[in-house]
Protein backbone atom coordinates (compact mmCIF):
# COMPACT_ATOMS: atom_id res chain seq x y z
CA MET A 1 -11.38 5.23 -10.64
CA PRO A 2 -14.10 4.91 -7.97
CA ARG A 3 -14.99 8.05 -6.08
CA LEU A 4 -13.36 8.46 -2.70
CA ASP A 5 -15.52 7.71 0.32
CA ASN A 6 -14.59 10.37 2.85
CA ARG A 7 -16.87 8.72 5.40
CA ILE A 8 -14.04 6.22 6.00
CA THR A 9 -11.98 8.06 8.64
CA VAL A 10 -9.90 7.27 11.70
CA ASP A 11 -12.99 7.81 13.85
CA SER A 12 -15.24 5.59 11.73
CA VAL A 13 -12.60 2.84 11.78
CA ARG A 14 -12.23 3.13 15.56
CA SER A 15 -16.00 2.84 15.97
CA VAL A 16 -16.09 -0.66 14.43
CA LEU A 17 -12.87 -2.16 15.85
CA ASP A 18 -14.19 -3.19 19.28
CA GLY A 19 -14.77 -6.95 19.32
CA SER A 20 -13.38 -7.49 15.81
CA PHE A 21 -10.29 -9.55 14.98
CA PRO A 22 -8.09 -6.46 14.38
CA GLY A 23 -9.54 -4.79 17.46
CA ASN A 24 -8.83 -7.84 19.62
CA LEU A 25 -5.22 -7.78 18.37
CA GLY A 26 -4.87 -4.14 19.41
CA ILE A 27 -4.48 -2.70 15.91
CA GLU A 28 -5.09 1.06 16.03
CA PRO A 29 -5.77 3.49 13.17
CA LEU A 30 -3.54 6.56 12.97
CA GLU A 31 -4.35 8.03 9.53
CA VAL A 32 -6.94 7.32 6.85
CA GLU A 33 -6.29 9.55 3.85
CA ASP A 34 -6.95 9.30 0.10
CA ASP A 35 -3.35 8.37 -0.74
CA HIS A 36 -2.38 6.32 2.33
CA THR A 37 -3.48 4.79 5.60
CA THR A 38 -1.42 4.24 8.73
CA GLY A 39 -1.96 2.06 11.77
CA ARG A 40 0.01 0.59 14.62
CA ILE A 41 0.27 -2.22 17.08
CA VAL A 42 2.21 -2.25 20.34
CA VAL A 43 3.51 -5.80 20.70
CA ASP A 44 2.48 -7.69 23.82
CA HIS A 45 2.45 -11.37 24.88
CA ARG A 46 -0.59 -12.26 22.72
CA HIS A 47 1.33 -11.31 19.54
CA LEU A 48 4.25 -13.69 20.13
CA HIS A 49 4.90 -17.23 18.95
CA PRO A 50 6.30 -19.69 21.54
CA GLY A 51 9.86 -18.58 20.72
CA GLY A 52 9.10 -15.06 21.94
CA PHE A 53 8.96 -13.20 18.61
CA VAL A 54 6.04 -11.63 16.71
CA HIS A 55 3.98 -14.32 14.98
CA GLY A 56 3.76 -14.14 11.17
CA GLY A 57 -0.01 -13.94 11.42
CA VAL A 58 0.28 -10.74 13.45
CA TRP A 59 2.49 -9.07 10.83
CA THR A 60 -0.02 -10.15 8.19
CA ALA A 61 -3.07 -9.04 10.18
CA LEU A 62 -1.57 -5.60 10.81
CA ALA A 63 -0.69 -5.01 7.16
CA ASP A 64 -3.92 -6.48 5.76
CA THR A 65 -6.03 -4.41 8.17
CA VAL A 66 -4.31 -1.12 7.40
CA ALA A 67 -4.62 -1.74 3.66
CA ALA A 68 -8.31 -2.61 4.14
CA TRP A 69 -9.03 0.86 5.52
CA GLY A 70 -7.72 2.36 2.29
CA THR A 71 -9.57 -0.19 0.19
CA PHE A 72 -12.87 0.74 1.86
CA ARG A 73 -12.20 4.40 1.13
CA HIS A 74 -11.85 3.62 -2.61
CA LEU A 75 -14.92 1.37 -3.06
CA PRO A 76 -18.02 2.39 -5.01
CA ASP A 77 -21.21 2.67 -2.94
CA GLY A 78 -22.60 -0.70 -1.92
CA HIS A 79 -19.49 -2.65 -2.94
CA ASP A 80 -17.28 -4.74 -0.68
CA PHE A 81 -14.01 -6.62 -1.17
CA THR A 82 -11.97 -9.64 -0.23
CA THR A 83 -8.23 -10.22 -0.17
CA VAL A 84 -7.30 -12.64 -2.97
CA GLU A 85 -3.51 -12.58 -2.81
CA LEU A 86 -0.88 -11.45 -0.32
CA LYS A 87 2.84 -11.63 0.26
CA LEU A 88 4.83 -10.69 3.34
CA ASN A 89 8.58 -10.28 3.82
CA VAL A 90 9.85 -9.68 7.37
CA PHE A 91 13.41 -8.34 7.70
CA ALA A 92 13.73 -8.14 11.50
CA ALA A 93 12.10 -9.99 14.38
CA GLY A 94 9.61 -8.14 16.57
CA VAL A 95 9.55 -8.54 20.35
CA GLU A 96 7.31 -7.52 23.23
CA GLY A 97 7.21 -3.75 23.67
CA ASP A 98 7.92 -2.93 20.01
CA GLU A 99 5.69 -0.38 18.32
CA LEU A 100 5.08 -1.49 14.73
CA ILE A 101 3.78 1.18 12.35
CA ALA A 102 2.19 0.10 9.06
CA ARG A 103 1.70 2.52 6.16
CA ALA A 104 -0.36 1.37 3.19
CA GLU A 105 -0.29 3.04 -0.22
CA PRO A 106 -2.36 2.10 -3.25
CA GLN A 107 -0.44 0.82 -6.26
CA HIS A 108 -3.53 0.20 -8.42
CA ILE A 109 -7.15 1.24 -7.88
CA GLY A 110 -9.38 -0.33 -10.51
CA ARG A 111 -13.02 -1.28 -10.96
CA ARG A 112 -12.36 -4.95 -10.17
CA THR A 113 -9.13 -4.99 -8.18
CA GLN A 114 -6.98 -2.90 -5.91
CA VAL A 115 -3.30 -3.53 -5.15
CA TRP A 116 -1.72 -2.14 -1.98
CA LEU A 117 1.86 -1.93 -0.73
CA VAL A 118 2.35 -1.80 3.05
CA ARG A 119 5.65 -0.92 4.70
CA ILE A 120 6.02 -1.75 8.39
CA THR A 121 8.54 0.17 10.45
CA ARG A 122 9.93 0.06 13.96
CA ASP A 123 11.83 3.10 15.23
CA ASN A 124 11.65 4.61 11.71
CA LYS A 125 13.42 1.58 10.19
CA GLN A 126 11.63 -0.66 7.70
CA VAL A 127 11.22 -4.15 9.17
CA ALA A 128 8.66 -5.69 6.80
CA VAL A 129 6.97 -5.16 3.45
CA PHE A 130 3.61 -6.57 2.40
CA THR A 131 1.71 -6.53 -0.87
CA LEU A 132 -1.86 -7.60 -1.42
CA THR A 133 -4.52 -7.68 -4.08
CA GLN A 134 -8.14 -6.98 -3.20
CA MET A 135 -11.01 -8.19 -5.38
CA VAL A 136 -13.85 -5.67 -5.49
CA LEU A 137 -17.23 -7.36 -4.91
CA ARG A 138 -20.41 -5.98 -6.42
CA PRO A 139 -23.51 -5.61 -4.25
CA ARG A 140 -25.50 -8.82 -3.80
């Protein structure tokens, strides 16, 4: 297993969010630990599809972003990654004003791949689950 990079913290994540896709969506880090990461989004008008509910891309962006923080923490020096597979199941619609909390936990941390499970909750009730596989990229 790769060594843990303790330089990846809530503060380091916050420092790079401004102007990025996750930052522009309002995704915020809450925890970045060895065994999990947690982030949130407070739903506003920019997160909704024309029918007034949270767009599938927002659910995906939240989960993928929170898992990425954990992935970075488990990469060897100089390595990067890319998402190669993902799956999302949403069990309840999200609306403006909802606070969605995503918690990512590693299921597999290997030399070439990482697999993460992300549970998204609203008011302490699970409303979505997301799995993804990250491909670890060697330095160029």
